[in-house]
Amino acid sequence: MPRSALVMIVRDEEHCIARCLNSVQPHVDEMIVVDTGSTDSTIDLAQRAGARVYRFDWCDDFAAARNAALDHSSADWNLILDADEWLEGDTDELLQAISSANDFLGLLPVASDFDLQGQTQVAISWIPRLLPRGVRYTGQVHEQPFSNLPRRKLSVNLRHDGYRLESLDKKKGRNRTLLTRMIKASPQDAYLHFQLGRDYEVYHEFDAAAASYATALRHVSEHDRFRHELVVRHIYVLKQIQRYEQAMQFAEQEMPHWPQSPDFYFSLGDLLLDCVTANPQQAAELLPMIEASWQKCLEIGDQPLLEGSVRGRGSFLAAHNLAVVYQEIGDTEKAKHYRKLAQRSRAQSI
């Protein structure tokens, strides 16, 4: 029977490490935690939860820390988590993968909570987190496993709350210096520019985010798995800095590539609504397009397999927006219908 290990790197995670370890402990043979310089009770809490704890002198290199942690594991499979993540619900598919031959990298759907306009929403990122023995990481920040093995998506509920506002305050500036340094060495790396744009975006530095996303788009391949999220985020930040014409031209250019993306059409409807708010004289022209965009979201439905997909954009979030629009234009029957649809589909998603 293949053996499995949880392998983590941590620092000052006393607020969440027990939650993570307790969620994983029933599903693995051992838990390995490498601490990179905690000054709180992280180490003590990890040991109490049953983990073997080692120390690593931080050197501004996440891949080096990950690899040092992996060096302590002799397991056939290594499950890589961060302290602000935890397993929830059914883990059958994960356990089946661990019991199989180790000829692939397991992509897990990391469901990240984030705050937007006073609401908590959930975005899905498919990240290689189940690694066969011998696979190691590369990259100082936003590190990736280096392997030619095929990648397989595993339906496991992996939750993450590190993008909530209170957590972001603690992380500010942590990655930007490393990303900037890596970009100097690899100026045409689309993924690095994308991640730098994300870093700017989460701290509401939208002009800088738009510039980084534009650079990423110049170098991205149509086969890069993050391209979907890059496109949707670029529309969003252009909207935030009121470059409406540029955003609409970009969306028109990208539309043929995303016929099955509720996130694309949701962002398009959002963009058009902002245009109407800023230019009410365009309402007659744009309101039917807004309606059609969110109707298209409902037609497609949620697509959690798409990288960066936000839960509800193909269901309750789109229905809610339609209800608001119909209420504003005085169509109370349609508003009532879509409010009920939003409530029903939100309840079904929990």
Protein backbone atom coordinates (compact mmCIF):
# COMPACT_ATOMS: atom_id res chain seq x y z
CA MET A 1 0.00 0.00 0.00
CA PRO A 2 1.55 3.37 -0.99
CA ARG A 3 2.36 5.71 1.88
CA SER A 4 1.34 9.36 1.94
CA ALA A 5 2.55 12.46 3.76
CA LEU A 6 1.31 15.99 4.28
CA VAL A 7 4.25 18.33 3.60
CA MET A 8 4.03 22.00 4.62
CA ILE A 9 6.15 25.10 5.04
CA VAL A 10 4.92 27.58 7.64
CA ARG A 11 5.71 30.74 9.55
CA ASP A 12 3.68 32.40 12.31
CA GLU A 13 0.49 30.46 11.56
CA GLU A 14 -0.81 29.86 15.09
CA HIS A 15 -4.25 31.15 14.09
CA CYS A 16 -4.89 28.40 11.54
CA ILE A 17 -2.34 25.58 11.57
CA ALA A 18 -4.31 23.28 13.88
CA ARG A 19 -7.35 23.55 11.58
CA CYS A 20 -5.25 22.47 8.62
CA LEU A 21 -3.47 19.59 10.34
CA ASN A 22 -6.61 18.24 11.99
CA SER A 23 -8.42 18.19 8.64
CA VAL A 24 -5.66 16.17 6.96
CA GLN A 25 -4.42 13.89 9.73
CA PRO A 26 -7.03 11.10 9.17
CA HIS A 27 -6.07 10.80 5.49
CA VAL A 28 -2.25 10.57 5.51
CA ASP A 29 0.38 8.37 7.14
CA GLU A 30 2.49 11.25 8.44
CA MET A 31 2.59 15.04 8.61
CA ILE A 32 5.78 17.02 7.99
CA VAL A 33 5.98 20.70 8.87
CA VAL A 34 9.01 22.84 8.07
CA ASP A 35 9.08 26.12 9.97
CA THR A 36 10.86 29.09 8.36
CA GLY A 37 11.16 31.30 11.43
CA SER A 38 7.99 31.44 13.54
CA THR A 39 7.99 33.59 16.65
CA ASP A 40 4.52 32.51 17.83
CA SER A 41 3.21 29.11 18.97
CA THR A 42 3.10 27.55 15.48
CA ILE A 43 5.72 24.89 16.23
CA ASP A 44 4.11 23.81 19.49
CA LEU A 45 0.66 23.58 17.90
CA ALA A 46 2.01 21.54 14.97
CA GLN A 47 3.71 19.09 17.31
CA ARG A 48 0.59 18.74 19.43
CA ALA A 49 -1.39 17.88 16.27
CA GLY A 50 1.03 15.04 15.55
CA ALA A 51 3.35 16.60 12.96
CA ARG A 52 7.10 16.15 12.75
CA VAL A 53 8.55 19.66 12.76
CA TYR A 54 11.85 20.77 11.22
CA ARG A 55 13.45 24.19 10.86
CA PHE A 56 14.65 25.92 7.71
CA ASP A 57 16.59 29.19 7.51
CA TRP A 58 14.52 31.44 5.24
CA CYS A 59 16.42 32.54 2.11
CA ASP A 60 13.75 34.40 0.09
CA ASP A 61 13.08 31.28 -1.98
CA PHE A 62 9.80 29.38 -1.64
CA ALA A 63 10.94 26.54 -3.90
CA ALA A 64 14.03 25.99 -1.76
CA ALA A 65 11.86 25.78 1.36
CA ARG A 66 9.36 23.42 -0.32
CA ASN A 67 12.17 21.18 -1.52
CA ALA A 68 13.79 21.11 1.91
CA ALA A 69 10.46 20.00 3.36
CA LEU A 70 10.05 17.31 0.69
CA ASP A 71 13.54 16.01 1.51
CA HIS A 72 12.18 14.97 4.93
CA SER A 73 9.52 12.76 3.34
CA SER A 74 10.01 9.20 2.18
CA ALA A 75 6.34 8.75 1.26
CA ASP A 76 5.13 7.62 -2.16
CA TRP A 77 2.74 10.59 -2.33
CA ASN A 78 3.19 14.08 -0.89
CA LEU A 79 0.17 16.28 -0.26
CA ILE A 80 1.26 19.95 -0.31
CA LEU A 81 -0.87 22.39 1.67
CA ASP A 82 -0.42 25.82 3.21
CA ALA A 83 -1.46 26.52 6.79
CA ASP A 84 -4.42 28.70 5.72
CA GLU A 85 -5.93 25.78 3.78
CA TRP A 86 -7.90 22.78 4.96
CA LEU A 87 -9.66 19.71 3.62
CA GLU A 88 -13.43 19.62 3.93
CA GLY A 89 -16.06 17.07 3.03
CA ASP A 90 -15.62 14.01 0.84
CA THR A 91 -11.98 12.93 0.28
CA ASP A 92 -12.66 9.62 -1.51
CA GLU A 93 -11.09 10.72 -4.79
CA LEU A 94 -7.96 11.91 -3.00
CA LEU A 95 -7.63 8.59 -1.15
CA GLN A 96 -8.15 6.66 -4.39
CA ALA A 97 -5.38 8.68 -6.07
CA ILE A 98 -3.00 8.03 -3.18
CA SER A 99 -3.62 4.28 -3.48
CA SER A 100 -2.84 4.30 -7.23
CA ALA A 101 0.36 4.19 -9.26
CA ASN A 102 2.31 7.44 -8.97
CA ASP A 103 2.39 8.42 -12.64
CA PHE A 104 0.73 11.85 -12.49
CA LEU A 105 0.52 15.12 -10.61
CA GLY A 106 -2.78 15.64 -8.81
CA LEU A 107 -4.46 19.00 -9.43
CA LEU A 108 -6.65 20.00 -6.48
CA PRO A 109 -9.36 22.70 -6.68
CA VAL A 110 -8.33 25.32 -4.12
CA ALA A 111 -11.51 27.22 -3.20
CA SER A 112 -10.35 30.64 -2.02
CA ASP A 113 -12.62 32.98 -0.07
CA PHE A 114 -12.15 36.64 -0.98
CA ASP A 115 -13.92 39.90 -0.15
CA LEU A 116 -15.57 41.89 -2.92
CA GLN A 117 -17.97 44.80 -2.47
CA GLY A 118 -18.87 43.76 1.06
CA GLN A 119 -19.52 40.11 0.16
CA THR A 120 -17.46 36.95 0.52
CA GLN A 121 -17.06 35.14 -2.78
CA VAL A 122 -15.21 31.96 -3.72
CA ALA A 123 -12.76 31.49 -6.60
CA ILE A 124 -11.46 28.10 -7.76
CA SER A 125 -7.83 27.55 -8.78
CA TRP A 126 -6.61 24.13 -9.92
CA ILE A 127 -3.13 23.71 -8.43
CA PRO A 128 -0.77 20.69 -8.46
CA ARG A 129 -0.79 19.66 -4.81
CA LEU A 130 -0.55 15.85 -4.83
CA LEU A 131 2.98 14.96 -5.94
CA PRO A 132 4.59 11.57 -6.40
CA ARG A 133 7.88 10.93 -4.65
CA GLY A 134 10.86 12.64 -6.27
CA VAL A 135 9.05 15.67 -7.74
CA ARG A 136 10.57 18.99 -6.67
CA TYR A 137 9.74 22.69 -7.05
CA THR A 138 11.21 25.56 -9.03
CA GLY A 139 10.64 29.31 -8.66
CA GLN A 140 11.42 31.73 -5.85
CA VAL A 141 7.76 32.71 -5.47
CA HIS A 142 4.52 31.21 -6.83
CA GLU A 143 6.67 28.13 -7.13
CA GLN A 144 5.59 25.23 -9.36
CA PRO A 145 6.42 21.51 -9.38
CA PHE A 146 8.94 20.70 -12.09
CA SER A 147 7.77 17.52 -13.84
CA ASN A 148 6.73 16.20 -17.24
CA LEU A 149 4.21 13.83 -15.70
CA PRO A 150 0.59 14.23 -16.84
CA ARG A 151 -1.74 16.23 -14.59
CA ARG A 152 -5.03 14.86 -13.32
CA LYS A 153 -7.82 16.89 -11.74
CA LEU A 154 -9.11 15.45 -8.47
CA SER A 155 -12.48 16.50 -7.05
CA VAL A 156 -11.49 17.33 -3.48
CA ASN A 157 -12.88 20.19 -1.41
CA LEU A 158 -9.78 22.16 -0.45
CA ARG A 159 -10.65 25.45 1.22
CA HIS A 160 -8.46 28.55 1.60
CA ASP A 161 -9.07 31.83 3.41
CA GLY A 162 -5.70 33.52 2.95
CA TYR A 163 -7.16 36.11 0.55
CA ARG A 164 -9.52 37.58 3.14
CA LEU A 165 -8.76 41.22 3.93
CA GLU A 166 -7.32 40.58 7.38
CA SER A 167 -4.92 37.98 5.98
CA LEU A 168 -3.83 40.15 3.05
CA ASP A 169 -2.71 42.90 5.41
CA LYS A 170 -0.22 40.50 6.98
CA LYS A 171 1.18 39.40 3.62
CA LYS A 172 1.52 42.81 1.96
CA GLY A 173 4.84 43.21 0.18
CA ARG A 174 5.90 39.63 0.84
CA ASN A 175 5.78 38.45 -2.76
CA ARG A 176 6.22 41.62 -4.78
CA THR A 177 9.96 41.98 -4.27
CA LEU A 178 10.55 38.35 -5.24
CA LEU A 179 8.30 38.61 -8.31
CA THR A 180 10.03 41.78 -9.48
CA ARG A 181 13.41 40.11 -9.10
CA MET A 182 12.27 37.06 -11.08
CA ILE A 183 10.79 39.22 -13.84
CA LYS A 184 14.13 40.99 -14.27
CA ALA A 185 15.67 37.59 -14.93
CA SER A 186 12.77 36.37 -17.13
CA PRO A 187 11.07 39.46 -18.60
CA GLN A 188 8.91 37.48 -21.03
CA ASP A 189 7.47 35.05 -18.47
CA ALA A 190 3.71 35.61 -18.73
CA TYR A 191 2.95 33.74 -15.53
CA LEU A 192 5.20 36.00 -13.45
CA HIS A 193 3.58 39.14 -14.89
CA PHE A 194 0.15 37.62 -14.21
CA GLN A 195 1.05 36.93 -10.58
CA LEU A 196 2.49 40.43 -10.16
CA GLY A 197 -0.77 41.81 -11.56
CA ARG A 198 -2.73 39.74 -9.05
CA ASP A 199 -0.58 41.11 -6.25
CA TYR A 200 -1.30 44.68 -7.35
CA GLU A 201 -5.01 43.91 -7.81
CA VAL A 202 -5.65 42.45 -4.35
CA TYR A 203 -4.27 45.66 -2.84
CA HIS A 204 -6.45 47.80 -5.18
CA GLU A 205 -3.50 49.15 -7.18
CA PHE A 206 -5.51 48.78 -10.36
CA ASP A 207 -3.40 50.88 -12.75
CA ALA A 208 -0.33 48.81 -11.95
CA ALA A 209 -2.39 45.60 -12.18
CA ALA A 210 -3.67 46.57 -15.64
CA ALA A 211 -0.11 47.21 -16.84
CA SER A 212 1.10 43.84 -15.54
CA TYR A 213 -1.86 41.98 -17.04
CA ALA A 214 -1.30 43.71 -20.39
CA THR A 215 2.31 42.53 -20.37
CA ALA A 216 1.23 39.01 -19.45
CA LEU A 217 -1.26 38.99 -22.33
CA ARG A 218 1.50 39.89 -24.79
CA HIS A 219 3.44 36.77 -23.80
CA VAL A 220 0.77 34.27 -22.75
CA SER A 221 0.10 31.15 -24.80
CA GLU A 222 -3.43 30.05 -25.65
CA HIS A 223 -2.54 26.78 -23.89
CA ASP A 224 -1.52 28.35 -20.57
CA ARG A 225 -4.01 27.18 -17.96
CA PHE A 226 -4.13 30.61 -16.26
CA ARG A 227 -5.17 32.45 -19.44
CA HIS A 228 -8.87 32.32 -18.57
CA GLU A 229 -8.31 33.98 -15.20
CA LEU A 230 -5.94 36.52 -16.76
CA VAL A 231 -8.55 37.61 -19.31
CA VAL A 232 -11.34 37.95 -16.75
CA ARG A 233 -9.14 39.83 -14.29
CA HIS A 234 -7.93 42.21 -17.01
CA ILE A 235 -11.51 43.16 -17.87
CA TYR A 236 -12.18 43.76 -14.17
CA VAL A 237 -9.20 46.04 -13.53
CA LEU A 238 -9.83 48.03 -16.73
CA LYS A 239 -13.36 48.58 -15.47
CA GLN A 240 -12.03 49.69 -12.08
CA ILE A 241 -9.89 52.42 -13.70
CA GLN A 242 -12.76 53.39 -16.04
CA ARG A 243 -11.02 52.46 -19.27
CA TYR A 244 -14.38 51.35 -20.61
CA GLU A 245 -13.66 51.60 -24.31
CA GLN A 246 -10.41 49.66 -23.99
CA ALA A 247 -12.12 47.02 -21.87
CA MET A 248 -14.98 46.58 -24.33
CA GLN A 249 -12.61 46.26 -27.27
CA PHE A 250 -10.61 43.67 -25.37
CA ALA A 251 -13.75 41.76 -24.40
CA GLU A 252 -14.98 41.75 -28.00
CA GLN A 253 -11.62 40.39 -29.12
CA GLU A 254 -11.67 37.63 -26.49
CA MET A 255 -15.35 36.64 -26.73
CA PRO A 256 -14.89 33.88 -29.36
CA HIS A 257 -12.47 32.08 -27.03
CA TRP A 258 -14.84 31.80 -24.06
CA PRO A 259 -18.26 30.51 -25.19
CA GLN A 260 -18.47 28.34 -22.05
CA SER A 261 -17.17 30.79 -19.46
CA PRO A 262 -19.77 32.31 -17.13
CA ASP A 263 -16.95 34.35 -15.58
CA PHE A 264 -16.23 36.05 -18.90
CA TYR A 265 -19.88 36.99 -19.51
CA PHE A 266 -20.42 37.97 -15.87
CA SER A 267 -17.45 40.36 -16.07
CA LEU A 268 -18.74 41.70 -19.39
CA GLY A 269 -22.16 42.45 -17.88
CA ASP A 270 -20.45 44.11 -14.91
CA LEU A 271 -18.36 46.25 -17.26
CA LEU A 272 -21.37 47.33 -19.32
CA LEU A 273 -23.35 48.21 -16.20
CA ASP A 274 -20.52 50.45 -15.03
CA CYS A 275 -20.53 52.11 -18.45
CA VAL A 276 -24.24 52.86 -18.09
CA THR A 277 -23.73 54.24 -14.60
CA ALA A 278 -21.01 56.58 -15.89
CA ASN A 279 -22.86 57.41 -19.14
CA PRO A 280 -26.65 57.15 -18.61
CA GLN A 281 -27.29 58.24 -22.19
CA GLN A 282 -26.03 54.79 -23.29
CA ALA A 283 -28.65 52.91 -21.25
CA ALA A 284 -30.96 52.13 -24.17
CA GLU A 285 -28.09 50.64 -26.14
CA LEU A 286 -26.31 48.77 -23.31
CA LEU A 287 -29.09 47.48 -21.04
CA PRO A 288 -30.12 44.72 -23.50
CA MET A 289 -26.45 43.68 -23.72
CA ILE A 290 -26.17 43.61 -19.93
CA GLU A 291 -29.28 41.45 -19.70
CA ALA A 292 -27.97 39.13 -22.42
CA SER A 293 -24.60 38.77 -20.70
CA TRP A 294 -26.05 37.60 -17.39
CA GLN A 295 -28.65 35.45 -19.16
CA LYS A 296 -25.71 33.81 -20.94
CA CYS A 297 -24.13 33.10 -17.55
CA LEU A 298 -27.26 31.24 -16.45
CA GLU A 299 -27.40 29.38 -19.75
CA ILE A 300 -23.80 28.17 -19.31
CA GLY A 301 -24.05 27.44 -15.58
CA ASP A 302 -21.18 27.35 -13.12
CA GLN A 303 -17.96 25.93 -14.58
CA PRO A 304 -15.65 25.10 -11.64
CA LEU A 305 -13.15 23.32 -13.90
CA LEU A 306 -12.16 26.68 -15.42
CA GLU A 307 -9.09 28.20 -13.78
CA GLY A 308 -10.06 31.13 -11.56
CA SER A 309 -13.79 30.50 -11.90
CA VAL A 310 -15.86 32.24 -9.19
CA ARG A 311 -18.64 30.18 -7.64
CA GLY A 312 -22.09 31.54 -8.49
CA ARG A 313 -21.28 33.50 -11.62
CA GLY A 314 -23.17 30.91 -13.62
CA SER A 315 -26.01 30.75 -11.10
CA PHE A 316 -26.95 32.83 -8.05
CA LEU A 317 -24.66 35.84 -8.64
CA ALA A 318 -25.92 36.28 -12.20
CA ALA A 319 -29.53 35.77 -11.11
CA HIS A 320 -29.11 38.34 -8.33
CA ASN A 321 -27.74 40.91 -10.78
CA LEU A 322 -30.62 40.31 -13.18
CA ALA A 323 -33.09 40.80 -10.33
CA VAL A 324 -31.48 44.13 -9.47
CA VAL A 325 -31.54 45.32 -13.09
CA TYR A 326 -35.19 44.34 -13.61
CA GLN A 327 -36.16 46.02 -10.36
CA GLU A 328 -34.44 49.22 -11.46
CA ILE A 329 -36.26 49.30 -14.81
CA GLY A 330 -39.60 48.54 -13.18
CA ASP A 331 -40.15 44.95 -14.34
CA THR A 332 -41.17 43.65 -10.92
CA GLU A 333 -42.32 40.23 -12.12
CA LYS A 334 -38.96 39.38 -13.64
CA ALA A 335 -37.20 40.86 -10.63
CA LYS A 336 -39.21 38.58 -8.35
CA HIS A 337 -38.46 35.54 -10.54
CA TYR A 338 -34.71 36.11 -10.51
CA ARG A 339 -34.61 36.86 -6.78
CA LYS A 340 -36.21 33.49 -6.15
CA LEU A 341 -33.83 31.83 -8.60
CA ALA A 342 -30.84 33.44 -6.87
CA GLN A 343 -32.03 32.28 -3.45
CA ARG A 344 -32.70 28.76 -4.67
CA SER A 345 -29.40 28.32 -6.51
CA ARG A 346 -27.38 29.85 -3.63
CA ALA A 347 -28.97 27.36 -1.22
CA GLN A 348 -28.13 24.49 -3.59
CA SER A 349 -24.48 25.59 -3.79
CA ILE A 350 -23.85 25.37 -0.03
